[in-house]
């Protein structure tokens, strides 16, 4: 894929603003894979990985304490709903199984009463209850972004694409929050993404 810094900046400029998106937080084992998988979905605008569900104030990858690796999905609710995302999450793991390693546990972290209500209805429709499954169901109290090298991990392995972000003047934070980076991270992991067709023409 040929990509220019100008195309990156223009794609991100056209993306919908965070004021009109919603954010969902999930844990499905190592966060690299689901970050790419969910970033490729239509309606997902931004993604980021980090740590949540624990009690220490400043978790890091090498000092994680009782936190879990999670990923955040910022999405356009007019295109993809929280319930749609829950369907994907529960298709991606066995809710009746849970690993003993807190770092890689399956968890759904609700941020609002509406998300909790949707989750309750979703579980009930499948004959499940929050207390009767292995998947942890918790309220999100705090999300700590992971280190820069974990963000868009698959994308970072494709030097030609990362070089284009460098040419666009993106630092690590801009890469983490970039809508086109979320799509290209999915592309780099082998997922189908529509970003190629949506790229603005290079002038």
C-alpha atoms as a PDB file:
ATOM      1  CA  UNK A   1       0.000   0.000   0.000  1.00  0.00           C
ATOM      2  CA  UNK A   2       1.320   3.419  -1.006  1.00  0.00           C
ATOM      3  CA  UNK A   3       0.581   6.036   1.612  1.00  0.00           C
ATOM      4  CA  UNK A   4       1.583   9.662   2.000  1.00  0.00           C
ATOM      5  CA  UNK A   5       1.712  11.914   5.024  1.00  0.00           C
ATOM      6  CA  UNK A   6      -0.815  14.184   3.354  1.00  0.00           C
ATOM      7  CA  UNK A   7      -3.312  11.321   2.960  1.00  0.00           C
ATOM      8  CA  UNK A   8      -2.924  10.439   6.634  1.00  0.00           C
ATOM      9  CA  UNK A   9      -3.579  13.985   7.804  1.00  0.00           C
ATOM     10  CA  UNK A  10      -6.557  14.399   5.461  1.00  0.00           C
ATOM     11  CA  UNK A  11      -8.170  11.077   6.461  1.00  0.00           C
ATOM     12  CA  UNK A  12      -7.889  11.931  10.139  1.00  0.00           C
ATOM     13  CA  UNK A  13      -9.170  15.463   9.570  1.00  0.00           C
ATOM     14  CA  UNK A  14     -12.345  14.023   8.030  1.00  0.00           C
ATOM     15  CA  UNK A  15     -12.941  11.508  10.849  1.00  0.00           C
ATOM     16  CA  UNK A  16     -15.740  12.211  13.301  1.00  0.00           C
ATOM     17  CA  UNK A  17     -14.760  13.991  16.477  1.00  0.00           C
ATOM     18  CA  UNK A  18     -14.544  12.299  19.859  1.00  0.00           C
ATOM     19  CA  UNK A  19     -17.446  14.476  21.047  1.00  0.00           C
ATOM     20  CA  UNK A  20     -19.816  12.391  18.923  1.00  0.00           C
ATOM     21  CA  UNK A  21     -18.369   8.931  19.556  1.00  0.00           C
ATOM     22  CA  UNK A  22     -18.864   6.480  22.408  1.00  0.00           C
ATOM     23  CA  UNK A  23     -16.110   4.432  24.057  1.00  0.00           C
ATOM     24  CA  UNK A  24     -16.170   0.768  25.058  1.00  0.00           C
ATOM     25  CA  UNK A  25     -13.514  -1.073  27.071  1.00  0.00           C
ATOM     26  CA  UNK A  26     -12.846  -4.814  26.908  1.00  0.00           C
ATOM     27  CA  UNK A  27     -10.174  -7.351  27.800  1.00  0.00           C
ATOM     28  CA  UNK A  28      -9.597 -10.412  25.589  1.00  0.00           C
ATOM     29  CA  UNK A  29      -6.153 -11.681  26.498  1.00  0.00           C
ATOM     30  CA  UNK A  30      -3.091 -10.000  25.006  1.00  0.00           C
ATOM     31  CA  UNK A  31      -4.331  -6.622  23.770  1.00  0.00           C
ATOM     32  CA  UNK A  32      -2.379  -6.504  20.482  1.00  0.00           C
ATOM     33  CA  UNK A  33      -4.718  -8.851  18.592  1.00  0.00           C
ATOM     34  CA  UNK A  34      -8.111  -7.404  19.545  1.00  0.00           C
ATOM     35  CA  UNK A  35      -6.805  -3.852  19.101  1.00  0.00           C
ATOM     36  CA  UNK A  36      -6.191  -4.711  15.429  1.00  0.00           C
ATOM     37  CA  UNK A  37      -9.327  -6.839  15.043  1.00  0.00           C
ATOM     38  CA  UNK A  38     -11.737  -4.237  16.386  1.00  0.00           C
ATOM     39  CA  UNK A  39      -9.936  -1.322  14.754  1.00  0.00           C
ATOM     40  CA  UNK A  40     -10.746  -2.862  11.371  1.00  0.00           C
ATOM     41  CA  UNK A  41     -14.526  -2.788  11.995  1.00  0.00           C
ATOM     42  CA  UNK A  42     -16.728  -0.312  10.154  1.00  0.00           C
ATOM     43  CA  UNK A  43     -17.871   2.329  12.622  1.00  0.00           C
ATOM     44  CA  UNK A  44     -14.843   2.030  14.894  1.00  0.00           C
ATOM     45  CA  UNK A  45     -13.042   5.369  14.753  1.00  0.00           C
ATOM     46  CA  UNK A  46     -10.155   5.096  17.213  1.00  0.00           C
ATOM     47  CA  UNK A  47      -8.580   2.428  19.426  1.00  0.00           C
ATOM     48  CA  UNK A  48      -6.011   2.358  22.191  1.00  0.00           C
ATOM     49  CA  UNK A  49      -4.610  -0.283  24.536  1.00  0.00           C
ATOM     50  CA  UNK A  50      -3.930  -0.041  28.232  1.00  0.00           C
ATOM     51  CA  UNK A  51      -4.509  -1.391  31.708  1.00  0.00           C
ATOM     52  CA  UNK A  52      -7.655  -1.437  33.862  1.00  0.00           C
ATOM     53  CA  UNK A  53      -9.519  -3.358  36.518  1.00  0.00           C
ATOM     54  CA  UNK A  54      -6.827  -3.182  39.204  1.00  0.00           C
ATOM     55  CA  UNK A  55      -6.033  -1.083  42.248  1.00  0.00           C
ATOM     56  CA  UNK A  56      -2.478   0.252  41.759  1.00  0.00           C
ATOM     57  CA  UNK A  57      -2.297   3.895  40.687  1.00  0.00           C
ATOM     58  CA  UNK A  58       0.197   3.776  37.834  1.00  0.00           C
ATOM     59  CA  UNK A  59       0.394   0.308  36.273  1.00  0.00           C
ATOM     60  CA  UNK A  60       3.050  -0.393  33.681  1.00  0.00           C
ATOM     61  CA  UNK A  61       3.715  -3.467  31.559  1.00  0.00           C
ATOM     62  CA  UNK A  62       6.542  -4.541  33.857  1.00  0.00           C
ATOM     63  CA  UNK A  63       4.721  -3.531  37.047  1.00  0.00           C
ATOM     64  CA  UNK A  64       1.153  -4.479  36.291  1.00  0.00           C
ATOM     65  CA  UNK A  65      -0.017  -5.437  39.771  1.00  0.00           C
ATOM     66  CA  UNK A  66      -3.588  -6.749  39.589  1.00  0.00           C
ATOM     67  CA  UNK A  67      -4.481  -4.906  36.382  1.00  0.00           C
ATOM     68  CA  UNK A  68      -5.626  -6.530  33.136  1.00  0.00           C
ATOM     69  CA  UNK A  69      -4.588  -5.773  29.571  1.00  0.00           C
ATOM     70  CA  UNK A  70      -7.567  -4.081  27.887  1.00  0.00           C
ATOM     71  CA  UNK A  71      -8.358  -2.201  24.697  1.00  0.00           C
ATOM     72  CA  UNK A  72     -10.631   0.759  24.150  1.00  0.00           C
ATOM     73  CA  UNK A  73     -12.839   1.140  21.103  1.00  0.00           C
ATOM     74  CA  UNK A  74     -14.094   4.606  20.215  1.00  0.00           C
ATOM     75  CA  UNK A  75     -17.035   4.096  17.884  1.00  0.00           C
ATOM     76  CA  UNK A  76     -19.745   5.882  15.928  1.00  0.00           C
ATOM     77  CA  UNK A  77     -23.028   4.611  17.433  1.00  0.00           C
ATOM     78  CA  UNK A  78     -24.866   5.471  14.201  1.00  0.00           C
ATOM     79  CA  UNK A  79     -22.763   2.871  12.368  1.00  0.00           C
ATOM     80  CA  UNK A  80     -21.989   0.219  14.992  1.00  0.00           C
ATOM     81  CA  UNK A  81     -23.688  -0.186  18.366  1.00  0.00           C
ATOM     82  CA  UNK A  82     -22.409  -1.209  21.771  1.00  0.00           C
ATOM     83  CA  UNK A  83     -24.481  -4.371  21.409  1.00  0.00           C
ATOM     84  CA  UNK A  84     -22.752  -5.116  18.092  1.00  0.00           C
ATOM     85  CA  UNK A  85     -19.406  -4.822  19.868  1.00  0.00           C
ATOM     86  CA  UNK A  86     -20.582  -7.115  22.669  1.00  0.00           C
ATOM     87  CA  UNK A  87     -21.537  -9.709  20.061  1.00  0.00           C
ATOM     88  CA  UNK A  88     -18.001  -9.549  18.642  1.00  0.00           C
ATOM     89  CA  UNK A  89     -16.468  -9.786  22.115  1.00  0.00           C
ATOM     90  CA  UNK A  90     -18.465 -12.854  23.101  1.00  0.00           C
ATOM     91  CA  UNK A  91     -17.766 -14.496  19.738  1.00  0.00           C
ATOM     92  CA  UNK A  92     -14.049 -13.961  20.408  1.00  0.00           C
ATOM     93  CA  UNK A  93     -13.821 -15.938  23.653  1.00  0.00           C
ATOM     94  CA  UNK A  94     -15.514 -18.626  25.713  1.00  0.00           C
ATOM     95  CA  UNK A  95     -17.412 -16.821  28.503  1.00  0.00           C
ATOM     96  CA  UNK A  96     -17.532 -20.006  30.547  1.00  0.00           C
ATOM     97  CA  UNK A  97     -13.735 -20.168  30.773  1.00  0.00           C
ATOM     98  CA  UNK A  98     -11.359 -17.782  32.513  1.00  0.00           C
ATOM     99  CA  UNK A  99      -7.589 -17.878  32.787  1.00  0.00           C
ATOM    100  CA  UNK A 100      -6.021 -17.604  36.223  1.00  0.00           C
ATOM    101  CA  UNK A 101      -3.544 -14.995  34.980  1.00  0.00           C
ATOM    102  CA  UNK A 102      -5.161 -11.632  35.765  1.00  0.00           C
ATOM    103  CA  UNK A 103      -3.095  -9.890  33.071  1.00  0.00           C
ATOM    104  CA  UNK A 104      -4.841 -11.781  30.269  1.00  0.00           C
ATOM    105  CA  UNK A 105      -8.342 -12.295  31.650  1.00  0.00           C
ATOM    106  CA  UNK A 106     -11.540 -11.713  29.676  1.00  0.00           C
ATOM    107  CA  UNK A 107     -13.383  -8.691  31.018  1.00  0.00           C
ATOM    108  CA  UNK A 108     -16.160  -6.317  29.995  1.00  0.00           C
ATOM    109  CA  UNK A 109     -15.818  -2.932  31.679  1.00  0.00           C
ATOM    110  CA  UNK A 110     -18.971  -0.801  31.446  1.00  0.00           C
ATOM    111  CA  UNK A 111     -18.595   2.978  31.595  1.00  0.00           C
ATOM    112  CA  UNK A 112     -22.226   4.122  31.718  1.00  0.00           C
ATOM    113  CA  UNK A 113     -25.613   2.987  32.974  1.00  0.00           C
ATOM    114  CA  UNK A 114     -26.691   2.578  29.354  1.00  0.00           C
ATOM    115  CA  UNK A 115     -23.794   0.217  28.636  1.00  0.00           C
ATOM    116  CA  UNK A 116     -24.614  -1.793  31.763  1.00  0.00           C
ATOM    117  CA  UNK A 117     -28.270  -2.050  30.756  1.00  0.00           C
ATOM    118  CA  UNK A 118     -27.325  -3.162  27.231  1.00  0.00           C
ATOM    119  CA  UNK A 119     -24.916  -5.743  28.649  1.00  0.00           C
ATOM    120  CA  UNK A 120     -27.540  -7.087  31.067  1.00  0.00           C
ATOM    121  CA  UNK A 121     -30.039  -7.448  28.227  1.00  0.00           C
ATOM    122  CA  UNK A 122     -27.409  -9.035  25.974  1.00  0.00           C
ATOM    123  CA  UNK A 123     -26.465 -11.640  28.576  1.00  0.00           C
ATOM    124  CA  UNK A 124     -30.100 -12.374  29.381  1.00  0.00           C
ATOM    125  CA  UNK A 125     -30.885 -12.933  25.689  1.00  0.00           C
ATOM    126  CA  UNK A 126     -28.226 -15.638  25.665  1.00  0.00           C
ATOM    127  CA  UNK A 127     -29.362 -17.248  28.902  1.00  0.00           C
ATOM    128  CA  UNK A 128     -26.322 -15.916  30.749  1.00  0.00           C
ATOM    129  CA  UNK A 129     -25.848 -13.887  33.926  1.00  0.00           C
ATOM    130  CA  UNK A 130     -22.918 -11.758  35.043  1.00  0.00           C
ATOM    131  CA  UNK A 131     -22.428 -13.941  38.123  1.00  0.00           C
ATOM    132  CA  UNK A 132     -22.763 -17.190  36.196  1.00  0.00           C
ATOM    133  CA  UNK A 133     -19.975 -16.764  33.657  1.00  0.00           C
ATOM    134  CA  UNK A 134     -16.208 -16.759  33.810  1.00  0.00           C
ATOM    135  CA  UNK A 135     -15.886 -13.430  32.008  1.00  0.00           C
ATOM    136  CA  UNK A 136     -15.406 -10.599  34.507  1.00  0.00           C
ATOM    137  CA  UNK A 137     -18.141  -7.965  34.397  1.00  0.00           C
ATOM    138  CA  UNK A 138     -17.064  -4.753  36.110  1.00  0.00           C
ATOM    139  CA  UNK A 139     -17.587  -1.036  36.083  1.00  0.00           C
ATOM    140  CA  UNK A 140     -14.712   0.900  34.541  1.00  0.00           C
ATOM    141  CA  UNK A 141     -13.057   3.032  37.192  1.00  0.00           C
ATOM    142  CA  UNK A 142      -9.834   4.027  35.451  1.00  0.00           C
ATOM    143  CA  UNK A 143      -8.017   3.345  32.194  1.00  0.00           C
ATOM    144  CA  UNK A 144      -4.232   3.747  32.004  1.00  0.00           C
ATOM    145  CA  UNK A 145      -2.818   3.873  28.459  1.00  0.00           C
ATOM    146  CA  UNK A 146      -0.091   1.315  27.810  1.00  0.00           C
ATOM    147  CA  UNK A 147       3.411   2.274  26.754  1.00  0.00           C
ATOM    148  CA  UNK A 148       3.856   3.737  23.271  1.00  0.00           C
ATOM    149  CA  UNK A 149       5.418   0.592  21.803  1.00  0.00           C
ATOM    150  CA  UNK A 150       2.234  -1.365  22.576  1.00  0.00           C
ATOM    151  CA  UNK A 151      -0.012   1.096  20.723  1.00  0.00           C
ATOM    152  CA  UNK A 152      -0.825   0.025  17.137  1.00  0.00           C
ATOM    153  CA  UNK A 153       1.619  -2.844  17.585  1.00  0.00           C
ATOM    154  CA  UNK A 154       0.904  -4.551  14.248  1.00  0.00           C
ATOM    155  CA  UNK A 155       1.145  -1.287  12.334  1.00  0.00           C
ATOM    156  CA  UNK A 156       4.511  -0.500  13.900  1.00  0.00           C
ATOM    157  CA  UNK A 157       5.932  -3.654  12.293  1.00  0.00           C
ATOM    158  CA  UNK A 158       5.321  -2.288   8.766  1.00  0.00           C
ATOM    159  CA  UNK A 159       8.090   0.223   8.204  1.00  0.00           C
ATOM    160  CA  UNK A 160       6.658   1.677   4.994  1.00  0.00           C
ATOM    161  CA  UNK A 161       3.416   2.622   6.760  1.00  0.00           C
ATOM    162  CA  UNK A 162       5.114   3.953   9.883  1.00  0.00           C
ATOM    163  CA  UNK A 163       7.421   6.035   7.700  1.00  0.00           C
ATOM    164  CA  UNK A 164       4.334   7.743   6.270  1.00  0.00           C
ATOM    165  CA  UNK A 165       3.177   8.679   9.785  1.00  0.00           C
ATOM    166  CA  UNK A 166       6.627  10.092  10.472  1.00  0.00           C
ATOM    167  CA  UNK A 167       6.333  12.102   7.265  1.00  0.00           C
ATOM    168  CA  UNK A 168       2.963  13.384   8.478  1.00  0.00           C
ATOM    169  CA  UNK A 169       4.645  14.671  11.636  1.00  0.00           C
ATOM    170  CA  UNK A 170       2.812  12.284  13.984  1.00  0.00           C
ATOM    171  CA  UNK A 171       4.297  11.635  17.408  1.00  0.00           C
ATOM    172  CA  UNK A 172       3.440   8.548  19.509  1.00  0.00           C
ATOM    173  CA  UNK A 173       0.302  10.083  21.020  1.00  0.00           C
ATOM    174  CA  UNK A 174      -0.977  11.223  17.622  1.00  0.00           C
ATOM    175  CA  UNK A 175      -0.394   7.722  16.246  1.00  0.00           C
ATOM    176  CA  UNK A 176      -2.280   6.171  19.161  1.00  0.00           C
ATOM    177  CA  UNK A 177      -5.305   8.432  18.631  1.00  0.00           C
ATOM    178  CA  UNK A 178      -5.253   8.421  14.815  1.00  0.00           C
ATOM    179  CA  UNK A 179      -8.368   7.027  13.067  1.00  0.00           C
ATOM    180  CA  UNK A 180      -6.391   5.888  10.034  1.00  0.00           C
ATOM    181  CA  UNK A 181      -3.821   4.220  12.299  1.00  0.00           C
ATOM    182  CA  UNK A 182      -6.623   2.131  13.857  1.00  0.00           C
ATOM    183  CA  UNK A 183      -7.637   0.942  10.378  1.00  0.00           C
ATOM    184  CA  UNK A 184      -4.101   0.322   9.158  1.00  0.00           C
ATOM    185  CA  UNK A 185      -3.287  -1.583  12.342  1.00  0.00           C
ATOM    186  CA  UNK A 186      -6.093  -3.950  11.373  1.00  0.00           C
ATOM    187  CA  UNK A 187      -4.801  -4.058   7.794  1.00  0.00           C
ATOM    188  CA  UNK A 188      -1.288  -4.910   9.012  1.00  0.00           C
ATOM    189  CA  UNK A 189      -2.765  -7.792  11.023  1.00  0.00           C
ATOM    190  CA  UNK A 190      -4.481  -9.231   7.955  1.00  0.00           C
ATOM    191  CA  UNK A 191      -8.032  -8.008   8.552  1.00  0.00           C
ATOM    192  CA  UNK A 192     -10.231  -6.625   5.789  1.00  0.00           C
ATOM    193  CA  UNK A 193     -10.504  -2.857   6.051  1.00  0.00           C
ATOM    194  CA  UNK A 194     -12.181  -0.311   3.804  1.00  0.00           C
ATOM    195  CA  UNK A 195      -9.478   2.285   4.329  1.00  0.00           C
ATOM    196  CA  UNK A 196      -7.869   1.752   0.923  1.00  0.00           C
ATOM    197  CA  UNK A 197     -11.052   2.824  -0.853  1.00  0.00           C
ATOM    198  CA  UNK A 198     -11.573   5.719   1.558  1.00  0.00           C
ATOM    199  CA  UNK A 199      -8.111   7.249   1.231  1.00  0.00           C
ATOM    200  CA  UNK A 200      -8.179  10.801  -0.083  1.00  0.00           C
ATOM    201  CA  UNK A 201      -6.402  11.237  -3.385  1.00  0.00           C
ATOM    202  CA  UNK A 202      -2.741  12.163  -3.071  1.00  0.00           C
ATOM    203  CA  UNK A 203      -2.060  15.494  -4.685  1.00  0.00           C
END
